[in-house]
């Protein structure tokens, strides 16, 4: 039996070695060939542009009869390598004519057939074609003296980025302007007495803040690890989970008969609290988010984050100050901003779609699913926590909406403050996708909800008309209809009283 286990163990080792061996994967660090990267340490190509000429230096430390260099792109969904390549002496010039077959290959091989002296320097030139923005590793292999065996030399990091265009600058400026106007308009509409009343009964705002700044960051962090996001895309998604509530939550709370005063209070409080909570989460848990392979972790300058948040907090304070000191001027500003806001939103959305088409190219089943999970789970967890605290139905709806809807503008402002590319562009993909799908449940349920509300209103109006006629003048059919209304009203009142008894008394 002991010999059987020994044979079995030996067989497993042999099978593992045979299955893992591949000539393309064989490594030879002492092959006498050395790849020297560019000064930046990585190669750069450009998305939505013709193939880019890439050059690296090759040093041959020993005499060889002939050799060939094979180049392989690991992440072909980001970049491929063209078939048009060349090896020349370092002093020779390299032409930059793009080959017609330089678009769909992920591997290329170039050959040099002259006997070389030791320590000779060569230029390796090839074309990199950007399939999408991101990072890909280029692996270099050498085949010497006509041998069929490939020896691994080294690998280099290649990044695919977008060129900054004038329209991108227009989008950055216009987006910041609309953010300032929107937040200032919200500040001129604040009711300090309402906020003060909710703060005197802090249980509902406390539960809402707990949902906003504890459940959502942990949920976003879990989704990042479950779906395997890395680098800028992962950091942007996690930052969105740490952001305050969005302004559209006030609109949805009003449409679905939630507690509008609590919604406005929560949006204001979470915006102010994000000044401390968002940097706290990013500089603690955010540091553990995995980076892209071969890339350092995305750097987040602390001052840039505070500057991004100031676009939310300072206009809010200015708007509320105008309302407090100059209420008439605040009313005029609010009316003017409403009209200007509609015009600016239309123009910014147009620029957003045109200038950032790469965002919609990235939409696939995995991305849409993960984008849906953050807001939808936020609705569920926020509503469940409010229900567990025995709040009434309007408060449950409001807290659920406030938890699930995040302020995407803050995430975009943080991404715009990042200097590294393509991380800055990758950081906004998931937040924008999540913002698009977050309104899905409301768009689907709103027509049904409004139709039901209209039917209830019509029935109430008809009941009031029947009561105004008096029981003496009612016909037999109208009398039976009135009794039906009374029975339904009594049953609905009985249903409302049961949860009302469980309502939390502050």
Protein backbone atom coordinates (compact mmCIF):
# COMPACT_ATOMS: atom_id res chain seq x y z
CA UNK A 1 0.00 0.00 0.00
CA UNK A 2 2.84 2.38 0.84
CA UNK A 3 4.46 1.72 -2.57
CA UNK A 4 1.09 2.40 -4.24
CA UNK A 5 0.88 5.86 -2.65
CA UNK A 6 4.49 6.56 -3.68
CA UNK A 7 3.77 5.61 -7.30
CA UNK A 8 0.57 7.64 -7.29
CA UNK A 9 2.35 10.71 -5.90
CA UNK A 10 5.13 10.38 -8.49
CA UNK A 11 2.55 10.07 -11.27
CA UNK A 12 0.77 13.26 -10.11
CA UNK A 13 4.03 15.22 -10.11
CA UNK A 14 4.91 13.98 -13.61
CA UNK A 15 1.43 14.74 -14.93
CA UNK A 16 1.52 18.23 -13.45
CA UNK A 17 4.88 18.94 -15.03
CA UNK A 18 3.84 17.67 -18.46
CA UNK A 19 0.54 19.59 -18.42
CA UNK A 20 2.19 22.85 -17.41
CA UNK A 21 5.16 22.63 -19.83
CA UNK A 22 4.88 24.68 -22.99
CA UNK A 23 7.70 25.92 -25.22
CA UNK A 24 6.12 29.37 -25.21
CA UNK A 25 6.15 29.42 -21.43
CA UNK A 26 9.74 28.27 -21.00
CA UNK A 27 11.81 30.89 -19.30
CA UNK A 28 15.45 31.59 -19.73
CA UNK A 29 16.67 34.60 -17.88
CA UNK A 30 20.27 33.80 -18.93
CA UNK A 31 19.51 33.74 -22.65
CA UNK A 32 21.79 36.69 -23.35
CA UNK A 33 18.90 38.89 -24.52
CA UNK A 34 17.70 41.88 -22.52
CA UNK A 35 14.65 44.10 -23.19
CA UNK A 36 15.01 47.73 -22.10
CA UNK A 37 11.68 49.56 -21.62
CA UNK A 38 11.08 53.22 -22.53
CA UNK A 39 11.86 55.96 -20.03
CA UNK A 40 8.25 55.93 -18.76
CA UNK A 41 8.57 52.22 -17.96
CA UNK A 42 5.58 51.27 -20.13
CA UNK A 43 4.36 51.54 -23.70
CA UNK A 44 1.43 53.79 -24.60
CA UNK A 45 -1.03 53.39 -27.47
CA UNK A 46 -4.22 55.33 -28.22
CA UNK A 47 -7.79 54.12 -28.42
CA UNK A 48 -9.89 55.04 -31.48
CA UNK A 49 -6.72 55.87 -33.44
CA UNK A 50 -4.73 54.00 -36.09
CA UNK A 51 -2.21 51.44 -34.78
CA UNK A 52 0.60 53.08 -32.83
CA UNK A 53 4.29 52.43 -33.57
CA UNK A 54 5.97 51.00 -30.44
CA UNK A 55 9.72 50.70 -29.95
CA UNK A 56 11.82 48.96 -27.34
CA UNK A 57 15.54 48.31 -27.07
CA UNK A 58 17.05 44.82 -27.24
CA UNK A 59 20.59 44.06 -26.06
CA UNK A 60 22.30 40.87 -27.19
CA UNK A 61 25.09 39.92 -24.80
CA UNK A 62 26.57 37.03 -26.78
CA UNK A 63 27.27 36.02 -30.39
CA UNK A 64 24.43 34.22 -32.13
CA UNK A 65 24.02 33.09 -35.71
CA UNK A 66 20.46 34.31 -36.04
CA UNK A 67 17.50 34.92 -33.78
CA UNK A 68 13.86 35.83 -33.87
CA UNK A 69 11.77 37.71 -31.32
CA UNK A 70 8.14 36.80 -30.65
CA UNK A 71 5.81 39.32 -29.03
CA UNK A 72 2.51 38.32 -27.47
CA UNK A 73 -0.27 40.50 -26.04
CA UNK A 74 -1.80 38.81 -22.99
CA UNK A 75 -5.05 40.82 -22.77
CA UNK A 76 -6.28 40.86 -26.33
CA UNK A 77 -9.51 42.59 -25.28
CA UNK A 78 -7.38 45.68 -24.57
CA UNK A 79 -4.61 45.57 -27.17
CA UNK A 80 -3.25 43.41 -29.97
CA UNK A 81 0.13 43.34 -31.70
CA UNK A 82 0.45 43.77 -35.46
CA UNK A 83 2.19 41.44 -37.86
CA UNK A 84 4.31 44.26 -39.33
CA UNK A 85 7.48 44.42 -37.23
CA UNK A 86 11.21 44.90 -37.67
CA UNK A 87 14.56 44.57 -35.89
CA UNK A 88 17.23 47.15 -36.76
CA UNK A 89 20.49 48.38 -35.32
CA UNK A 90 20.05 51.20 -32.84
CA UNK A 91 21.54 53.75 -35.21
CA UNK A 92 19.25 52.76 -38.07
CA UNK A 93 16.00 54.64 -38.68
CA UNK A 94 12.65 52.91 -38.46
CA UNK A 95 9.81 53.78 -40.78
CA UNK A 96 6.33 54.28 -39.31
CA UNK A 97 4.17 53.00 -42.17
CA UNK A 98 1.19 51.14 -40.78
CA UNK A 99 0.60 47.72 -42.27
CA UNK A 100 -2.87 46.85 -43.57
CA UNK A 101 -2.89 43.64 -41.50
CA UNK A 102 -2.09 45.42 -38.24
CA UNK A 103 -5.52 45.20 -36.67
CA UNK A 104 -6.54 41.70 -35.66
CA UNK A 105 -3.38 39.88 -34.52
CA UNK A 106 -2.38 39.30 -30.91
CA UNK A 107 1.08 37.86 -31.69
CA UNK A 108 3.96 38.85 -33.96
CA UNK A 109 7.42 37.48 -34.72
CA UNK A 110 10.40 39.35 -36.12
CA UNK A 111 13.70 37.85 -37.32
CA UNK A 112 17.28 39.02 -37.59
CA UNK A 113 19.59 36.71 -39.62
CA UNK A 114 23.10 38.23 -39.37
CA UNK A 115 25.89 37.10 -37.06
CA UNK A 116 26.04 39.63 -34.24
CA UNK A 117 28.76 40.83 -31.96
CA UNK A 118 28.45 40.63 -28.19
CA UNK A 119 26.64 43.51 -26.53
CA UNK A 120 24.94 44.75 -29.70
CA UNK A 121 21.94 47.08 -29.34
CA UNK A 122 18.84 46.74 -31.51
CA UNK A 123 15.55 48.50 -31.97
CA UNK A 124 12.45 46.30 -31.96
CA UNK A 125 9.58 48.08 -33.66
CA UNK A 126 6.00 46.83 -33.93
CA UNK A 127 2.50 48.24 -34.09
CA UNK A 128 0.12 48.09 -31.16
CA UNK A 129 -3.58 48.28 -31.89
CA UNK A 130 -5.87 49.50 -29.07
CA UNK A 131 -9.05 47.43 -28.82
CA UNK A 132 -10.22 49.22 -25.66
CA UNK A 133 -8.75 51.33 -22.86
CA UNK A 134 -6.88 49.54 -20.10
CA UNK A 135 -3.66 47.60 -19.53
CA UNK A 136 -2.13 44.58 -21.23
CA UNK A 137 1.15 42.77 -20.69
CA UNK A 138 3.42 42.20 -23.69
CA UNK A 139 5.56 39.07 -23.39
CA UNK A 140 8.81 38.78 -25.36
CA UNK A 141 10.30 35.43 -26.41
CA UNK A 142 13.44 34.61 -28.37
CA UNK A 143 14.20 31.72 -30.74
CA UNK A 144 17.92 31.34 -31.57
CA UNK A 145 19.86 29.59 -34.34
CA UNK A 146 16.77 28.20 -36.00
CA UNK A 147 15.64 26.37 -32.86
CA UNK A 148 11.95 25.62 -32.39
CA UNK A 149 12.10 26.33 -28.65
CA UNK A 150 11.02 29.73 -27.39
CA UNK A 151 12.84 31.22 -24.43
CA UNK A 152 11.19 33.87 -22.32
CA UNK A 153 13.05 37.18 -22.18
CA UNK A 154 10.93 39.71 -20.35
CA UNK A 155 7.55 41.41 -20.35
CA UNK A 156 6.52 45.05 -20.61
CA UNK A 157 3.34 46.80 -19.59
CA UNK A 158 1.31 48.44 -22.33
CA UNK A 159 -1.49 50.89 -21.65
CA UNK A 160 -4.25 51.94 -24.00
CA UNK A 161 -5.62 55.43 -23.33
CA UNK A 162 -7.80 58.05 -24.96
CA UNK A 163 -6.33 61.22 -26.35
CA UNK A 164 -7.68 64.30 -24.62
CA UNK A 165 -9.77 66.32 -27.06
CA UNK A 166 -11.23 69.84 -26.79
CA UNK A 167 -14.69 68.36 -26.26
CA UNK A 168 -13.41 66.49 -23.20
CA UNK A 169 -12.36 69.82 -21.70
CA UNK A 170 -15.79 71.26 -22.52
CA UNK A 171 -17.45 68.31 -20.79
CA UNK A 172 -15.30 68.67 -17.67
CA UNK A 173 -16.10 72.37 -17.29
CA UNK A 174 -19.80 72.07 -18.12
CA UNK A 175 -20.25 69.13 -15.75
CA UNK A 176 -18.73 71.08 -12.87
CA UNK A 177 -20.95 74.06 -13.68
CA UNK A 178 -24.14 72.02 -13.71
CA UNK A 179 -23.14 70.35 -10.45
CA UNK A 180 -22.66 73.73 -8.77
CA UNK A 181 -25.98 75.06 -10.10
CA UNK A 182 -27.89 71.94 -9.06
CA UNK A 183 -26.53 71.90 -5.52
CA UNK A 184 -27.05 75.65 -5.12
CA UNK A 185 -30.66 75.29 -6.26
CA UNK A 186 -31.12 72.54 -3.69
CA UNK A 187 -29.65 74.84 -1.04
CA UNK A 188 -32.13 77.63 -1.83
CA UNK A 189 -34.96 75.13 -1.36
CA UNK A 190 -33.95 73.88 2.08
CA UNK A 191 -36.33 74.28 5.01
CA UNK A 192 -34.26 74.74 8.14
CA UNK A 193 -37.22 74.19 10.42
CA UNK A 194 -37.91 70.81 8.80
CA UNK A 195 -34.29 69.73 9.20
CA UNK A 196 -34.32 70.92 12.81
CA UNK A 197 -37.47 68.90 13.51
CA UNK A 198 -35.93 65.72 12.13
CA UNK A 199 -32.72 66.27 14.07
CA UNK A 200 -34.75 66.53 17.28
CA UNK A 201 -36.03 63.02 16.49
CA UNK A 202 -32.79 61.54 15.21
CA UNK A 203 -33.80 57.88 14.90
CA UNK A 204 -34.96 58.03 11.29
CA UNK A 205 -32.03 60.20 10.07
CA UNK A 206 -29.64 58.02 12.07
CA UNK A 207 -30.90 54.81 10.43
CA UNK A 208 -30.72 56.45 7.02
CA UNK A 209 -27.13 57.61 7.60
CA UNK A 210 -26.20 54.15 8.84
CA UNK A 211 -27.60 52.62 5.66
CA UNK A 212 -25.89 55.23 3.48
CA UNK A 213 -22.39 55.10 4.92
CA UNK A 214 -22.13 51.55 6.25
CA UNK A 215 -24.29 49.24 4.13
CA UNK A 216 -23.51 50.83 0.74
CA UNK A 217 -19.66 50.96 1.10
CA UNK A 218 -19.54 47.35 2.31
CA UNK A 219 -21.90 46.29 -0.47
CA UNK A 220 -19.81 48.01 -3.17
CA UNK A 221 -16.62 46.52 -1.71
CA UNK A 222 -18.13 43.02 -1.80
CA UNK A 223 -19.27 43.41 -5.42
CA UNK A 224 -15.76 44.52 -6.43
CA UNK A 225 -14.25 41.31 -5.04
CA UNK A 226 -17.04 38.99 -6.21
CA UNK A 227 -16.84 40.16 -9.83
CA UNK A 228 -13.05 40.53 -9.82
CA UNK A 229 -12.79 44.22 -10.69
CA UNK A 230 -9.39 45.82 -10.35
CA UNK A 231 -7.67 49.17 -10.69
CA UNK A 232 -9.53 52.32 -11.67
CA UNK A 233 -12.78 50.51 -12.49
CA UNK A 234 -12.90 48.93 -9.02
CA UNK A 235 -11.95 52.14 -7.23
CA UNK A 236 -14.61 54.17 -9.07
CA UNK A 237 -17.29 51.65 -8.15
CA UNK A 238 -16.22 51.55 -4.51
CA UNK A 239 -16.12 55.37 -4.39
CA UNK A 240 -19.70 55.47 -5.64
CA UNK A 241 -20.75 53.17 -2.81
CA UNK A 242 -19.23 55.66 -0.35
CA UNK A 243 -20.92 58.72 -1.90
CA UNK A 244 -23.87 60.61 -0.39
CA UNK A 245 -27.46 60.31 -1.60
CA UNK A 246 -28.39 61.75 -4.97
CA UNK A 247 -30.76 64.63 -5.58
CA UNK A 248 -33.12 62.49 -7.67
CA UNK A 249 -34.09 60.64 -4.49
CA UNK A 250 -36.15 63.69 -3.48
CA UNK A 251 -38.12 63.47 -6.71
CA UNK A 252 -38.79 59.74 -6.34
CA UNK A 253 -39.78 60.15 -2.70
CA UNK A 254 -42.33 62.77 -3.72
CA UNK A 255 -43.71 60.71 -6.62
CA UNK A 256 -44.17 57.61 -4.46
CA UNK A 257 -45.67 59.49 -1.49
CA UNK A 258 -42.69 59.07 0.78
CA UNK A 259 -41.59 61.48 3.46
CA UNK A 260 -40.25 64.32 1.31
CA UNK A 261 -39.01 66.34 4.28
CA UNK A 262 -36.95 63.37 5.51
CA UNK A 263 -35.60 62.82 1.99
CA UNK A 264 -34.40 66.43 1.70
CA UNK A 265 -32.97 66.27 5.21
CA UNK A 266 -31.10 63.06 4.43
CA UNK A 267 -29.69 64.36 1.15
CA UNK A 268 -28.41 67.45 2.95
CA UNK A 269 -26.95 65.56 5.92
CA UNK A 270 -25.30 62.87 3.78
CA UNK A 271 -23.75 65.52 1.52
CA UNK A 272 -22.24 67.25 4.54
CA UNK A 273 -21.19 63.95 6.17
CA UNK A 274 -19.47 62.76 2.98
CA UNK A 275 -16.77 65.37 3.59
CA UNK A 276 -15.43 63.05 6.27
CA UNK A 277 -16.92 59.64 5.49
CA UNK A 278 -15.88 59.33 1.84
CA UNK A 279 -12.14 60.02 2.43
CA UNK A 280 -12.29 57.77 5.51
CA UNK A 281 -13.55 54.78 3.51
CA UNK A 282 -11.27 55.37 0.51
CA UNK A 283 -8.12 55.76 2.60
CA UNK A 284 -8.88 52.70 4.75
CA UNK A 285 -10.80 49.95 2.95
CA UNK A 286 -10.10 51.50 -0.46
CA UNK A 287 -6.38 50.82 -0.06
CA UNK A 288 -7.05 47.07 -0.14
CA UNK A 289 -8.74 47.16 -3.56
CA UNK A 290 -6.64 45.09 -5.99
CA UNK A 291 -4.66 46.88 -8.66
CA UNK A 292 -4.35 45.84 -12.29
CA UNK A 293 -1.71 43.23 -12.95
CA UNK A 294 1.71 44.81 -13.24
CA UNK A 295 0.40 48.25 -12.24
CA UNK A 296 0.82 50.15 -9.00
CA UNK A 297 -2.30 50.98 -7.03
CA UNK A 298 -4.23 54.00 -8.23
CA UNK A 299 -3.05 57.09 -6.40
CA UNK A 300 -5.75 59.23 -4.83
CA UNK A 301 -4.53 62.68 -3.80
CA UNK A 302 -6.32 63.66 -0.60
CA UNK A 303 -6.59 67.32 -1.59
CA UNK A 304 -8.18 66.41 -4.93
CA UNK A 305 -10.89 64.43 -3.14
CA UNK A 306 -11.63 67.34 -0.81
CA UNK A 307 -11.72 69.65 -3.80
CA UNK A 308 -14.24 67.37 -5.52
CA UNK A 309 -16.44 67.30 -2.42
CA UNK A 310 -16.23 71.08 -2.14
CA UNK A 311 -18.20 71.28 -5.41
CA UNK A 312 -21.07 69.74 -3.44
CA UNK A 313 -20.75 71.25 0.04
CA UNK A 314 -19.84 74.88 -0.70
CA UNK A 315 -22.66 75.58 -3.24
CA UNK A 316 -25.12 73.93 -0.83
CA UNK A 317 -23.98 76.25 1.95
CA UNK A 318 -24.15 79.30 -0.36
CA UNK A 319 -27.67 78.41 -1.51
CA UNK A 320 -28.92 77.90 2.05
CA UNK A 321 -27.29 81.17 3.15
CA UNK A 322 -29.03 83.07 0.34
CA UNK A 323 -32.37 81.55 1.38
CA UNK A 324 -31.79 82.49 5.02
CA UNK A 325 -30.58 86.05 4.39
CA UNK A 326 -32.42 86.93 1.17
CA UNK A 327 -35.56 84.75 0.82
CA UNK A 328 -36.99 86.79 -2.08
CA UNK A 329 -33.75 86.62 -4.00
CA UNK A 330 -33.61 82.88 -3.30
CA UNK A 331 -37.07 82.43 -4.84
CA UNK A 332 -36.01 84.31 -7.99
CA UNK A 333 -32.76 82.39 -8.21
CA UNK A 334 -34.62 79.11 -7.82
CA UNK A 335 -37.03 79.95 -10.64
CA UNK A 336 -34.21 81.05 -12.91
CA UNK A 337 -32.07 78.05 -12.06
CA UNK A 338 -34.93 75.66 -12.81
CA UNK A 339 -35.12 76.90 -16.40
CA UNK A 340 -31.35 77.08 -16.81
CA UNK A 341 -30.98 73.66 -15.23
CA UNK A 342 -33.19 72.01 -17.87
CA UNK A 343 -31.25 73.62 -20.71
CA UNK A 344 -27.88 72.74 -19.23
CA UNK A 345 -28.90 69.15 -18.46
CA UNK A 346 -29.90 68.60 -22.09
CA UNK A 347 -26.65 70.04 -23.39
CA UNK A 348 -24.45 68.20 -20.87
CA UNK A 349 -26.15 64.87 -21.57
CA UNK A 350 -25.57 65.41 -25.27
CA UNK A 351 -21.90 66.17 -24.70
CA UNK A 352 -21.61 63.24 -22.27
CA UNK A 353 -22.90 60.73 -24.80
CA UNK A 354 -20.80 62.13 -27.64
CA UNK A 355 -17.56 62.63 -25.73
CA UNK A 356 -17.69 59.39 -23.73
CA UNK A 357 -18.93 56.78 -26.16
CA UNK A 358 -16.27 54.40 -24.86
CA UNK A 359 -18.35 53.98 -21.67
CA UNK A 360 -21.24 52.35 -23.52
CA UNK A 361 -18.89 50.07 -25.47
CA UNK A 362 -17.95 48.45 -22.15
CA UNK A 363 -21.52 47.41 -21.31
CA UNK A 364 -21.81 43.63 -21.10
CA UNK A 365 -23.81 41.18 -18.99
CA UNK A 366 -21.28 41.17 -16.14
CA UNK A 367 -21.07 44.95 -15.95
CA UNK A 368 -24.85 45.46 -16.10
CA UNK A 369 -25.44 42.82 -13.42
CA UNK A 370 -22.90 44.34 -11.02
CA UNK A 371 -24.23 47.84 -11.77
CA UNK A 372 -27.76 46.67 -10.87
CA UNK A 373 -26.72 44.95 -7.65
CA UNK A 374 -25.50 48.10 -5.89
CA UNK A 375 -28.68 50.24 -6.06
CA UNK A 376 -31.17 47.34 -5.94
CA UNK A 377 -29.56 45.73 -2.90
CA UNK A 378 -29.38 49.21 -1.37
CA UNK A 379 -33.16 49.55 -1.73
CA UNK A 380 -33.69 46.15 -0.12
CA UNK A 381 -31.26 46.54 2.78
CA UNK A 382 -32.27 50.13 3.52
CA UNK A 383 -35.97 49.28 3.47
CA UNK A 384 -35.46 46.15 5.59
CA UNK A 385 -33.48 48.07 8.22
CA UNK A 386 -36.21 50.73 8.40
CA UNK A 387 -38.88 48.01 8.65
CA UNK A 388 -36.93 46.25 11.41
CA UNK A 389 -36.90 49.54 13.31
CA UNK A 390 -40.74 49.56 13.01
CA UNK A 391 -41.06 52.77 11.03
CA UNK A 392 -44.25 53.47 9.13
CA UNK A 393 -44.57 52.85 5.39
CA UNK A 394 -43.72 56.38 4.10
CA UNK A 395 -40.48 56.38 6.14
CA UNK A 396 -39.58 52.88 4.93
CA UNK A 397 -39.97 53.95 1.30
CA UNK A 398 -37.96 57.11 1.86
CA UNK A 399 -35.05 55.40 3.61
CA UNK A 400 -34.96 52.66 0.96
CA UNK A 401 -34.81 55.24 -1.84
CA UNK A 402 -32.18 57.36 -0.07
CA UNK A 403 -29.99 54.30 0.51
CA UNK A 404 -30.05 52.96 -3.04
CA UNK A 405 -29.64 56.20 -5.00
CA UNK A 406 -26.08 57.50 -4.91
CA UNK A 407 -24.71 60.84 -6.04
CA UNK A 408 -22.92 59.91 -9.26
CA UNK A 409 -21.71 63.48 -9.71
CA UNK A 410 -19.34 63.13 -6.74
CA UNK A 411 -17.81 59.98 -8.26
CA UNK A 412 -17.33 61.66 -11.64
CA UNK A 413 -15.73 64.68 -9.98
CA UNK A 414 -13.32 62.40 -8.12
CA UNK A 415 -12.50 60.58 -11.37
CA UNK A 416 -11.89 63.88 -13.15
CA UNK A 417 -9.41 64.80 -10.41
CA UNK A 418 -7.29 61.70 -11.09
CA UNK A 419 -4.25 62.44 -13.22
CA UNK A 420 -3.44 58.86 -14.23
CA UNK A 421 -4.83 57.36 -17.43
CA UNK A 422 -6.56 55.07 -18.23
CA UNK A 423 -7.58 54.80 -14.56
CA UNK A 424 -9.53 58.09 -14.63
CA UNK A 425 -11.59 56.98 -17.64
CA UNK A 426 -12.14 53.50 -16.22
CA UNK A 427 -13.29 54.92 -12.87
CA UNK A 428 -16.51 56.41 -14.30
CA UNK A 429 -17.76 53.37 -16.26
CA UNK A 430 -19.45 51.45 -13.45
CA UNK A 431 -20.85 54.52 -11.64
CA UNK A 432 -22.53 55.79 -14.81
CA UNK A 433 -23.88 52.31 -15.58
CA UNK A 434 -25.19 52.00 -12.02
CA UNK A 435 -26.80 55.43 -12.22
CA UNK A 436 -28.58 54.47 -15.47
CA UNK A 437 -30.02 51.20 -14.13
CA UNK A 438 -30.86 52.57 -10.65
CA UNK A 439 -34.02 54.23 -12.00
CA UNK A 440 -35.27 51.02 -13.60
CA UNK A 441 -37.63 49.93 -10.77
CA UNK A 442 -39.14 53.42 -10.60
CA UNK A 443 -39.78 53.64 -14.35
CA UNK A 444 -41.42 50.20 -14.31
CA UNK A 445 -43.57 50.70 -11.22
CA UNK A 446 -44.42 54.40 -11.53
CA UNK A 447 -47.18 54.04 -14.19
CA UNK A 448 -48.86 51.31 -12.13
CA UNK A 449 -48.53 53.32 -8.94
CA UNK A 450 -49.90 56.52 -10.50
CA UNK A 451 -52.79 54.60 -12.07
CA UNK A 452 -53.67 53.09 -8.70
CA UNK A 453 -53.48 56.49 -7.03
CA UNK A 454 -55.76 57.94 -9.69
CA UNK A 455 -58.29 55.15 -9.22
CA UNK A 456 -58.28 55.64 -5.45
CA UNK A 457 -58.74 59.38 -5.90
CA UNK A 458 -61.64 58.83 -8.29
CA UNK A 459 -63.32 56.44 -5.86
CA UNK A 460 -62.87 58.90 -3.02
CA UNK A 461 -64.41 61.68 -5.12
CA UNK A 462 -67.36 59.52 -6.04
CA UNK A 463 -67.87 58.54 -2.40
CA UNK A 464 -67.85 62.20 -1.40
CA UNK A 465 -70.47 62.94 -4.05
CA UNK A 466 -72.69 60.14 -2.76
CA UNK A 467 -72.40 61.40 0.79
CA UNK A 468 -73.27 64.94 -0.27
CA UNK A 469 -76.58 63.75 -1.76
CA UNK A 470 -77.74 62.31 1.54
CA UNK A 471 -79.18 58.91 2.26
CA UNK A 472 -82.78 60.07 1.64
CA UNK A 473 -82.27 60.92 -2.00
CA UNK A 474 -80.15 57.90 -2.90
CA UNK A 475 -81.50 55.25 -5.25
CA UNK A 476 -81.24 51.58 -4.37
CA UNK A 477 -78.18 51.09 -6.58
CA UNK A 478 -76.44 54.19 -5.18
CA UNK A 479 -77.27 53.08 -1.61
CA UNK A 480 -75.68 49.68 -2.25
CA UNK A 481 -72.62 51.40 -3.79
CA UNK A 482 -72.30 53.64 -0.73
CA UNK A 483 -72.42 50.61 1.58
CA UNK A 484 -69.69 48.97 -0.52
CA UNK A 485 -67.50 52.07 -0.15
CA UNK A 486 -68.04 52.07 3.61
CA UNK A 487 -67.17 48.36 3.94
CA UNK A 488 -63.96 48.81 1.87
CA UNK A 489 -63.02 51.93 3.82
CA UNK A 490 -63.50 50.15 7.15
CA UNK A 491 -61.38 47.22 6.02
CA UNK A 492 -58.62 49.51 4.75
CA UNK A 493 -58.68 51.49 7.99
CA UNK A 494 -58.33 48.26 9.93
CA UNK A 495 -55.30 47.31 7.84
CA UNK A 496 -53.71 50.71 8.39
CA UNK A 497 -54.21 50.57 12.15
CA UNK A 498 -52.19 47.38 12.58
CA UNK A 499 -48.88 48.71 11.25
CA UNK A 500 -49.64 52.07 12.85
CA UNK A 501 -49.59 50.38 16.24
CA UNK A 502 -46.04 49.24 15.48
CA UNK A 503 -44.93 52.73 14.48
CA UNK A 504 -41.91 53.86 16.41
CA UNK A 505 -42.78 56.63 18.88
CA UNK A 506 -40.02 59.20 19.17
